[in-house]
N, C-alpha and C. Protein backbone atom coordinates (compact mmCIF):
# COMPACT_ATOMS: atom_id res chain seq x y z
N MET A 1 107.82 111.18 132.98
CA MET A 1 108.95 112.08 132.75
C MET A 1 108.41 113.38 132.15
N LYS A 2 108.91 114.49 132.64
CA LYS A 2 108.47 115.78 132.13
C LYS A 2 108.91 115.96 130.69
N SER A 3 108.09 116.71 129.96
CA SER A 3 108.35 116.96 128.55
C SER A 3 109.72 117.61 128.33
N ASP A 4 110.15 118.48 129.28
CA ASP A 4 111.45 119.15 129.14
C ASP A 4 112.59 118.14 129.07
N LYS A 5 112.57 117.18 129.98
CA LYS A 5 113.63 116.18 130.02
C LYS A 5 113.46 115.14 128.93
N LEU A 6 112.20 114.82 128.63
CA LEU A 6 111.93 113.78 127.63
C LEU A 6 112.50 114.15 126.26
N LYS A 7 112.45 115.43 125.90
CA LYS A 7 112.96 115.81 124.58
C LYS A 7 114.45 115.49 124.45
N TYR A 8 115.19 115.62 125.54
CA TYR A 8 116.63 115.31 125.49
C TYR A 8 116.86 113.79 125.49
N VAL A 9 116.01 113.08 126.19
CA VAL A 9 116.09 111.61 126.16
C VAL A 9 115.80 111.11 124.75
N VAL A 10 114.80 111.70 124.10
CA VAL A 10 114.45 111.31 122.73
C VAL A 10 115.59 111.63 121.77
N LEU A 11 116.23 112.77 121.92
CA LEU A 11 117.37 113.10 121.06
C LEU A 11 118.55 112.16 121.31
N ALA A 12 118.74 111.74 122.56
CA ALA A 12 119.79 110.75 122.86
C ALA A 12 119.42 109.41 122.22
N PHE A 13 118.14 109.05 122.27
CA PHE A 13 117.64 107.84 121.62
C PHE A 13 117.94 107.89 120.11
N ALA A 14 117.70 109.03 119.49
CA ALA A 14 117.99 109.20 118.07
C ALA A 14 119.49 109.00 117.81
N ALA A 15 120.33 109.53 118.69
CA ALA A 15 121.78 109.37 118.53
C ALA A 15 122.18 107.90 118.64
N VAL A 16 121.55 107.16 119.55
CA VAL A 16 121.83 105.71 119.66
C VAL A 16 121.42 105.00 118.38
N LEU A 17 120.27 105.38 117.81
CA LEU A 17 119.83 104.77 116.55
C LEU A 17 120.83 105.05 115.43
N VAL A 18 121.36 106.26 115.39
CA VAL A 18 122.39 106.60 114.38
C VAL A 18 123.60 105.70 114.57
N GLY A 19 124.04 105.53 115.81
CA GLY A 19 125.19 104.67 116.08
C GLY A 19 124.95 103.23 115.67
N LEU A 20 123.77 102.71 115.98
CA LEU A 20 123.44 101.34 115.57
C LEU A 20 123.41 101.22 114.06
N ASP A 21 122.80 102.20 113.40
CA ASP A 21 122.72 102.18 111.94
C ASP A 21 124.11 102.16 111.32
N GLN A 22 124.99 103.00 111.80
CA GLN A 22 126.34 103.05 111.24
C GLN A 22 127.12 101.77 111.54
N LEU A 23 126.90 101.17 112.71
CA LEU A 23 127.52 99.89 113.03
C LEU A 23 127.04 98.81 112.07
N PHE A 24 125.72 98.73 111.87
CA PHE A 24 125.17 97.71 110.96
C PHE A 24 125.68 97.90 109.54
N LYS A 25 125.79 99.13 109.09
CA LYS A 25 126.30 99.40 107.73
C LYS A 25 127.77 99.04 107.62
N TRP A 26 128.54 99.32 108.65
CA TRP A 26 129.95 98.95 108.64
C TRP A 26 130.08 97.43 108.57
N LEU A 27 129.28 96.72 109.36
CA LEU A 27 129.30 95.25 109.31
C LEU A 27 128.92 94.75 107.92
N ALA A 28 127.89 95.35 107.33
CA ALA A 28 127.48 94.94 105.98
C ALA A 28 128.60 95.17 104.99
N GLN A 29 129.26 96.33 105.08
CA GLN A 29 130.31 96.68 104.13
C GLN A 29 131.54 95.79 104.29
N THR A 30 131.85 95.40 105.51
CA THR A 30 133.08 94.65 105.75
C THR A 30 132.88 93.14 105.81
N ARG A 31 131.66 92.67 106.00
CA ARG A 31 131.45 91.24 106.20
C ARG A 31 130.62 90.54 105.14
N LEU A 32 129.84 91.29 104.37
CA LEU A 32 128.99 90.63 103.37
C LEU A 32 129.77 90.39 102.09
N PRO A 33 129.46 89.28 101.41
CA PRO A 33 130.16 88.98 100.16
C PRO A 33 129.86 90.04 99.10
N PRO A 34 130.84 90.31 98.24
CA PRO A 34 130.64 91.35 97.21
C PRO A 34 129.60 90.92 96.17
N ARG A 35 129.00 91.93 95.56
CA ARG A 35 128.06 91.69 94.47
C ARG A 35 128.81 91.75 93.16
N PRO A 36 128.33 91.27 92.07
CA PRO A 36 127.00 90.68 91.91
C PRO A 36 126.95 89.24 92.42
N GLY A 37 125.80 88.88 92.82
CA GLY A 37 125.57 87.51 93.26
C GLY A 37 125.90 87.24 94.71
N GLY A 38 126.63 88.14 95.37
CA GLY A 38 127.02 87.92 96.75
C GLY A 38 125.88 88.20 97.70
N THR A 39 125.51 87.21 98.48
CA THR A 39 124.43 87.38 99.45
C THR A 39 124.61 86.35 100.56
N LEU A 40 124.08 86.65 101.71
CA LEU A 40 124.14 85.73 102.84
C LEU A 40 122.70 85.38 103.22
N PRO A 41 122.23 84.19 102.82
CA PRO A 41 120.85 83.83 103.15
C PRO A 41 120.69 83.50 104.63
N LEU A 42 119.75 84.19 105.29
CA LEU A 42 119.41 83.85 106.66
C LEU A 42 118.27 82.84 106.65
N ILE A 43 117.30 83.06 105.76
CA ILE A 43 116.24 82.10 105.46
C ILE A 43 116.19 82.04 103.94
N GLN A 44 116.66 80.96 103.37
CA GLN A 44 116.81 80.83 101.92
C GLN A 44 115.56 81.28 101.17
N ASP A 45 115.74 82.18 100.20
CA ASP A 45 114.70 82.71 99.35
C ASP A 45 113.61 83.48 100.09
N VAL A 46 113.85 83.79 101.36
CA VAL A 46 112.90 84.59 102.14
C VAL A 46 113.58 85.88 102.62
N PHE A 47 114.69 85.72 103.37
CA PHE A 47 115.37 86.89 103.92
C PHE A 47 116.87 86.69 103.85
N HIS A 48 117.54 87.58 103.12
CA HIS A 48 118.98 87.53 102.93
C HIS A 48 119.61 88.83 103.39
N LEU A 49 120.90 88.80 103.63
CA LEU A 49 121.69 90.00 103.80
C LEU A 49 122.49 90.18 102.52
N THR A 50 122.26 91.28 101.83
CA THR A 50 122.86 91.54 100.53
C THR A 50 123.38 92.97 100.50
N TYR A 51 124.67 93.13 100.29
CA TYR A 51 125.28 94.46 100.26
C TYR A 51 124.90 95.19 98.97
N LEU A 52 124.43 96.44 99.14
CA LEU A 52 124.05 97.26 97.98
C LEU A 52 124.39 98.71 98.26
N GLU A 53 124.96 99.39 97.28
CA GLU A 53 125.23 100.82 97.37
C GLU A 53 124.14 101.56 96.61
N ASN A 54 123.26 102.22 97.35
CA ASN A 54 122.11 102.92 96.76
C ASN A 54 122.44 104.39 96.60
N ARG A 55 122.51 104.85 95.37
CA ARG A 55 122.83 106.24 95.08
C ARG A 55 121.59 107.09 94.88
N GLY A 56 120.43 106.52 95.21
CA GLY A 56 119.16 107.25 95.13
C GLY A 56 118.46 107.24 96.47
N ALA A 57 117.14 107.27 96.41
CA ALA A 57 116.33 107.22 97.63
C ALA A 57 115.58 105.89 97.64
N ALA A 58 114.46 105.84 98.30
CA ALA A 58 113.68 104.61 98.40
C ALA A 58 113.40 104.04 97.01
N PHE A 59 113.57 102.74 96.89
CA PHE A 59 113.34 102.02 95.64
C PHE A 59 114.22 102.54 94.50
N GLY A 60 115.33 103.22 94.85
CA GLY A 60 116.26 103.70 93.84
C GLY A 60 115.82 104.95 93.11
N ILE A 61 114.73 105.62 93.57
CA ILE A 61 114.32 106.85 92.88
C ILE A 61 115.33 107.95 93.18
N PHE A 62 115.33 108.97 92.37
CA PHE A 62 116.23 110.12 92.48
C PHE A 62 117.70 109.71 92.38
N GLN A 63 118.00 108.71 91.53
CA GLN A 63 119.39 108.31 91.30
C GLN A 63 120.19 109.52 90.81
N GLY A 64 121.36 109.71 91.41
CA GLY A 64 122.24 110.79 90.99
C GLY A 64 121.80 112.17 91.47
N LYS A 65 120.85 112.24 92.35
CA LYS A 65 120.35 113.53 92.87
C LYS A 65 120.77 113.70 94.33
N ALA A 66 122.02 113.43 94.63
CA ALA A 66 122.53 113.45 96.01
C ALA A 66 122.33 114.82 96.65
N PHE A 67 122.64 115.90 95.93
CA PHE A 67 122.52 117.23 96.51
C PHE A 67 121.08 117.50 96.94
N PHE A 68 120.12 117.15 96.08
CA PHE A 68 118.70 117.33 96.39
C PHE A 68 118.31 116.51 97.62
N LEU A 69 118.73 115.24 97.66
CA LEU A 69 118.38 114.36 98.78
C LEU A 69 119.01 114.84 100.09
N ILE A 70 120.25 115.31 100.02
CA ILE A 70 120.92 115.84 101.22
C ILE A 70 120.18 117.08 101.72
N GLY A 71 119.83 117.97 100.81
CA GLY A 71 119.12 119.20 101.19
C GLY A 71 117.74 118.93 101.77
N LEU A 72 116.98 118.08 101.11
CA LEU A 72 115.63 117.76 101.59
C LEU A 72 115.67 117.08 102.95
N THR A 73 116.55 116.09 103.08
CA THR A 73 116.69 115.39 104.36
C THR A 73 117.12 116.35 105.45
N GLY A 74 118.08 117.20 105.15
CA GLY A 74 118.56 118.17 106.14
C GLY A 74 117.46 119.10 106.61
N LEU A 75 116.65 119.59 105.68
CA LEU A 75 115.55 120.49 106.06
C LEU A 75 114.53 119.78 106.95
N ILE A 76 114.17 118.56 106.59
CA ILE A 76 113.20 117.79 107.40
C ILE A 76 113.76 117.54 108.80
N LEU A 77 115.02 117.14 108.86
CA LEU A 77 115.63 116.86 110.16
C LEU A 77 115.73 118.13 111.02
N LEU A 78 116.08 119.24 110.42
CA LEU A 78 116.14 120.51 111.16
C LEU A 78 114.76 120.91 111.67
N ALA A 79 113.74 120.72 110.84
CA ALA A 79 112.37 121.05 111.25
C ALA A 79 111.93 120.18 112.43
N LEU A 80 112.20 118.88 112.35
CA LEU A 80 111.82 117.99 113.44
C LEU A 80 112.58 118.31 114.73
N ALA A 81 113.88 118.53 114.61
CA ALA A 81 114.68 118.89 115.79
C ALA A 81 114.21 120.22 116.37
N GLY A 82 113.87 121.16 115.51
CA GLY A 82 113.35 122.44 115.97
C GLY A 82 112.04 122.29 116.72
N LEU A 83 111.15 121.44 116.21
CA LEU A 83 109.88 121.19 116.89
C LEU A 83 110.11 120.58 118.27
N ILE A 84 111.06 119.67 118.35
CA ILE A 84 111.35 119.02 119.64
C ILE A 84 111.96 120.03 120.61
N LEU A 85 113.01 120.72 120.19
CA LEU A 85 113.74 121.61 121.10
C LEU A 85 112.92 122.84 121.51
N SER A 86 112.03 123.29 120.63
CA SER A 86 111.20 124.45 120.96
C SER A 86 110.08 124.11 121.94
N GLY A 87 109.82 122.83 122.11
CA GLY A 87 108.75 122.41 123.01
C GLY A 87 107.39 122.37 122.34
N ARG A 88 107.33 122.63 121.04
CA ARG A 88 106.05 122.59 120.32
C ARG A 88 105.52 121.17 120.17
N LEU A 89 106.42 120.21 120.16
CA LEU A 89 106.04 118.81 120.06
C LEU A 89 106.04 118.26 121.49
N ARG A 90 104.86 118.13 122.09
CA ARG A 90 104.78 117.77 123.51
C ARG A 90 104.31 116.35 123.75
N SER A 91 103.59 115.79 122.82
CA SER A 91 103.08 114.44 122.99
C SER A 91 104.25 113.46 123.08
N PRO A 92 104.33 112.67 124.17
CA PRO A 92 105.42 111.68 124.25
C PRO A 92 105.44 110.74 123.04
N PHE A 93 104.27 110.34 122.58
CA PHE A 93 104.20 109.45 121.41
C PHE A 93 104.85 110.12 120.20
N LEU A 94 104.49 111.38 119.94
CA LEU A 94 105.06 112.08 118.78
C LEU A 94 106.54 112.38 118.98
N LEU A 95 106.96 112.62 120.22
CA LEU A 95 108.39 112.82 120.47
C LEU A 95 109.17 111.56 120.11
N TRP A 96 108.71 110.40 120.56
CA TRP A 96 109.42 109.14 120.26
C TRP A 96 109.41 108.83 118.77
N THR A 97 108.29 109.08 118.09
CA THR A 97 108.27 108.82 116.64
C THR A 97 109.19 109.79 115.90
N ALA A 98 109.24 111.04 116.36
CA ALA A 98 110.18 111.99 115.76
C ALA A 98 111.61 111.53 115.99
N GLY A 99 111.89 110.96 117.16
CA GLY A 99 113.22 110.41 117.43
C GLY A 99 113.58 109.29 116.46
N LEU A 100 112.62 108.43 116.17
CA LEU A 100 112.85 107.37 115.18
C LEU A 100 113.19 107.96 113.81
N ILE A 101 112.40 108.94 113.39
CA ILE A 101 112.60 109.54 112.07
C ILE A 101 113.94 110.27 112.02
N ILE A 102 114.27 111.02 113.07
CA ILE A 102 115.55 111.75 113.10
C ILE A 102 116.72 110.77 113.09
N GLY A 103 116.67 109.73 113.91
CA GLY A 103 117.76 108.76 113.94
C GLY A 103 118.00 108.11 112.59
N GLY A 104 116.92 107.66 111.96
CA GLY A 104 117.05 107.05 110.64
C GLY A 104 117.49 108.04 109.58
N GLY A 105 116.94 109.24 109.64
CA GLY A 105 117.30 110.26 108.65
C GLY A 105 118.77 110.64 108.74
N ILE A 106 119.26 110.82 109.96
CA ILE A 106 120.69 111.17 110.12
C ILE A 106 121.58 110.01 109.67
N GLY A 107 121.17 108.78 109.97
CA GLY A 107 121.96 107.61 109.54
C GLY A 107 122.17 107.58 108.04
N ASN A 108 121.09 107.80 107.28
CA ASN A 108 121.23 107.80 105.82
C ASN A 108 121.90 109.08 105.31
N LEU A 109 121.70 110.19 106.02
CA LEU A 109 122.35 111.44 105.62
C LEU A 109 123.86 111.33 105.74
N ILE A 110 124.34 110.69 106.79
CA ILE A 110 125.78 110.47 106.96
C ILE A 110 126.34 109.72 105.76
N ASP A 111 125.63 108.67 105.36
CA ASP A 111 126.09 107.90 104.19
C ASP A 111 126.16 108.78 102.94
N ARG A 112 125.11 109.54 102.69
CA ARG A 112 125.07 110.35 101.47
C ARG A 112 126.19 111.39 101.46
N ILE A 113 126.43 112.00 102.60
CA ILE A 113 127.45 113.06 102.66
C ILE A 113 128.87 112.49 102.56
N PHE A 114 129.15 111.43 103.32
CA PHE A 114 130.53 110.95 103.42
C PHE A 114 130.88 109.81 102.46
N ARG A 115 129.89 109.09 101.97
CA ARG A 115 130.18 108.01 101.03
C ARG A 115 129.71 108.31 99.61
N GLY A 116 128.68 109.14 99.50
CA GLY A 116 128.08 109.41 98.19
C GLY A 116 126.99 108.41 97.85
N TYR A 117 126.69 107.50 98.74
CA TYR A 117 125.64 106.50 98.56
C TYR A 117 125.22 105.99 99.93
N VAL A 118 124.06 105.34 99.97
CA VAL A 118 123.56 104.75 101.20
C VAL A 118 123.78 103.24 101.12
N ILE A 119 124.30 102.68 102.20
CA ILE A 119 124.51 101.23 102.25
C ILE A 119 123.20 100.55 102.66
N ASP A 120 122.72 99.67 101.80
CA ASP A 120 121.54 98.85 102.07
C ASP A 120 121.97 97.41 102.18
N TYR A 121 121.24 96.61 102.97
CA TYR A 121 121.66 95.22 103.17
C TYR A 121 120.52 94.27 103.55
N LEU A 122 119.37 94.77 103.93
CA LEU A 122 118.25 93.90 104.30
C LEU A 122 117.47 93.55 103.04
N ASP A 123 117.46 92.29 102.69
CA ASP A 123 116.94 91.82 101.41
C ASP A 123 115.79 90.84 101.66
N PHE A 124 114.56 91.36 101.67
CA PHE A 124 113.37 90.54 101.92
C PHE A 124 112.87 90.00 100.58
N ARG A 125 113.29 88.81 100.24
CA ARG A 125 113.04 88.24 98.92
C ARG A 125 111.70 87.57 98.74
N LEU A 126 111.02 87.26 99.83
CA LEU A 126 109.75 86.55 99.73
C LEU A 126 108.77 87.30 98.84
N ILE A 127 108.77 88.62 98.94
CA ILE A 127 107.86 89.42 98.11
C ILE A 127 108.63 90.30 97.12
N HIS A 128 109.90 89.99 96.89
CA HIS A 128 110.74 90.71 95.94
C HIS A 128 110.74 92.21 96.26
N PHE A 129 111.01 92.53 97.52
CA PHE A 129 111.02 93.91 97.96
C PHE A 129 112.40 94.51 97.73
N ALA A 130 112.47 95.83 97.68
CA ALA A 130 113.75 96.52 97.51
C ALA A 130 114.66 96.25 98.72
N ILE A 131 115.95 96.24 98.49
CA ILE A 131 116.92 96.07 99.58
C ILE A 131 116.95 97.38 100.37
N PHE A 132 116.94 97.29 101.70
CA PHE A 132 116.86 98.48 102.55
C PHE A 132 117.77 98.32 103.75
N ASN A 133 117.71 99.24 104.71
CA ASN A 133 118.60 99.20 105.87
C ASN A 133 117.87 99.58 107.15
N PHE A 134 118.59 99.54 108.26
CA PHE A 134 118.01 99.84 109.57
C PHE A 134 117.48 101.27 109.64
N ALA A 135 118.22 102.22 109.07
CA ALA A 135 117.78 103.62 109.08
C ALA A 135 116.45 103.77 108.34
N ASP A 136 116.32 103.08 107.21
CA ASP A 136 115.05 103.10 106.48
C ASP A 136 113.91 102.59 107.36
N CYS A 137 114.17 101.53 108.11
CA CYS A 137 113.16 100.96 109.02
C CYS A 137 112.73 102.01 110.05
N CYS A 138 113.70 102.71 110.61
CA CYS A 138 113.39 103.74 111.62
C CYS A 138 112.50 104.83 111.03
N VAL A 139 112.86 105.33 109.86
CA VAL A 139 112.09 106.40 109.22
C VAL A 139 110.68 105.91 108.87
N VAL A 140 110.58 104.74 108.28
CA VAL A 140 109.27 104.22 107.86
C VAL A 140 108.38 103.92 109.06
N VAL A 141 108.92 103.26 110.08
CA VAL A 141 108.12 102.94 111.27
C VAL A 141 107.67 104.23 111.95
N GLY A 142 108.57 105.19 112.12
CA GLY A 142 108.21 106.46 112.74
C GLY A 142 107.12 107.18 111.97
N THR A 143 107.25 107.23 110.66
CA THR A 143 106.27 107.91 109.81
C THR A 143 104.92 107.19 109.85
N LEU A 144 104.94 105.86 109.76
CA LEU A 144 103.69 105.10 109.82
C LEU A 144 102.98 105.29 111.16
N LEU A 145 103.72 105.30 112.24
CA LEU A 145 103.11 105.52 113.56
C LEU A 145 102.46 106.90 113.65
N VAL A 146 103.11 107.92 113.10
CA VAL A 146 102.51 109.26 113.09
C VAL A 146 101.23 109.25 112.27
N LEU A 147 101.27 108.63 111.09
CA LEU A 147 100.08 108.58 110.24
C LEU A 147 98.94 107.82 110.90
N ILE A 148 99.25 106.70 111.54
CA ILE A 148 98.22 105.93 112.24
C ILE A 148 97.59 106.78 113.34
N LYS A 149 98.43 107.47 114.09
CA LYS A 149 97.91 108.34 115.16
C LYS A 149 97.00 109.42 114.59
N LEU A 150 97.44 110.07 113.51
CA LEU A 150 96.65 111.14 112.92
C LEU A 150 95.34 110.64 112.32
N VAL A 151 95.38 109.51 111.65
CA VAL A 151 94.19 109.00 110.96
C VAL A 151 93.20 108.35 111.92
N PHE A 152 93.70 107.56 112.87
CA PHE A 152 92.81 106.77 113.70
C PHE A 152 92.58 107.30 115.11
N PHE A 153 93.47 108.12 115.62
CA PHE A 153 93.35 108.52 117.02
C PHE A 153 93.19 110.01 117.24
N ASP A 154 93.49 110.83 116.26
CA ASP A 154 93.39 112.28 116.44
C ASP A 154 92.25 112.89 115.63
N ARG A 155 91.27 112.10 115.30
CA ARG A 155 90.14 112.63 114.55
C ARG A 155 89.35 113.59 115.41
N GLU A 156 88.81 114.62 114.75
CA GLU A 156 87.96 115.54 115.50
C GLU A 156 86.65 114.84 115.83
N LYS A 157 86.19 115.06 117.04
CA LYS A 157 84.94 114.46 117.43
C LYS A 157 83.81 115.28 116.84
N PRO A 158 82.78 114.62 116.26
CA PRO A 158 81.68 115.39 115.66
C PRO A 158 80.95 116.22 116.73
N ALA A 159 80.57 117.40 116.33
CA ALA A 159 79.85 118.29 117.24
C ALA A 159 78.51 117.66 117.60
N GLU A 160 78.18 117.75 118.86
CA GLU A 160 76.89 117.20 119.29
C GLU A 160 75.77 118.08 118.77
N GLU A 161 74.76 117.41 118.28
CA GLU A 161 73.60 118.14 117.78
C GLU A 161 72.69 118.50 118.95
N THR A 162 72.17 119.68 118.92
CA THR A 162 71.25 120.10 119.97
C THR A 162 69.85 120.24 119.39
N ALA A 163 68.88 119.87 120.17
CA ALA A 163 67.47 119.96 119.72
C ALA A 163 66.88 121.28 120.20
N ASP A 164 66.13 121.92 119.33
CA ASP A 164 65.50 123.19 119.68
C ASP A 164 64.11 123.01 120.25
N ALA A 165 63.65 121.80 120.42
CA ALA A 165 62.28 121.56 120.82
C ALA A 165 61.98 121.90 122.21
């Protein structure tokens, strides 16, 4: 697929991710038992669905800093969308990872703007990890894929040494 068309497919993909994220959050809000103590174990003491209203960012940092988080997220999303629409981001791999990041970022941005908090529900208890959501997964997976590409696959090749002999 040509890069021109792919950028619109990737943006549509991001929109689908936003829709899925909002659906999952609505299900969590309407179907999960209330806290404290309310949880739905899928695998007892390993993986639960637990409703949580997160008024901060990852791991609860920046609690009460909604304006800052909305502004920062908005700027990042605008920059990524601008890179895609301007054609500066041409690699299909980077386009798809940007789509993941945009979809997840918009999903959580919607929560912050319209609810004042982000709905989290994925509770991985085996390692006592923070409760998170589908949008978080999209952002983290997209970011990790970009980092892996940059660190392991986009390294500059060392210049060949030439002999003067």
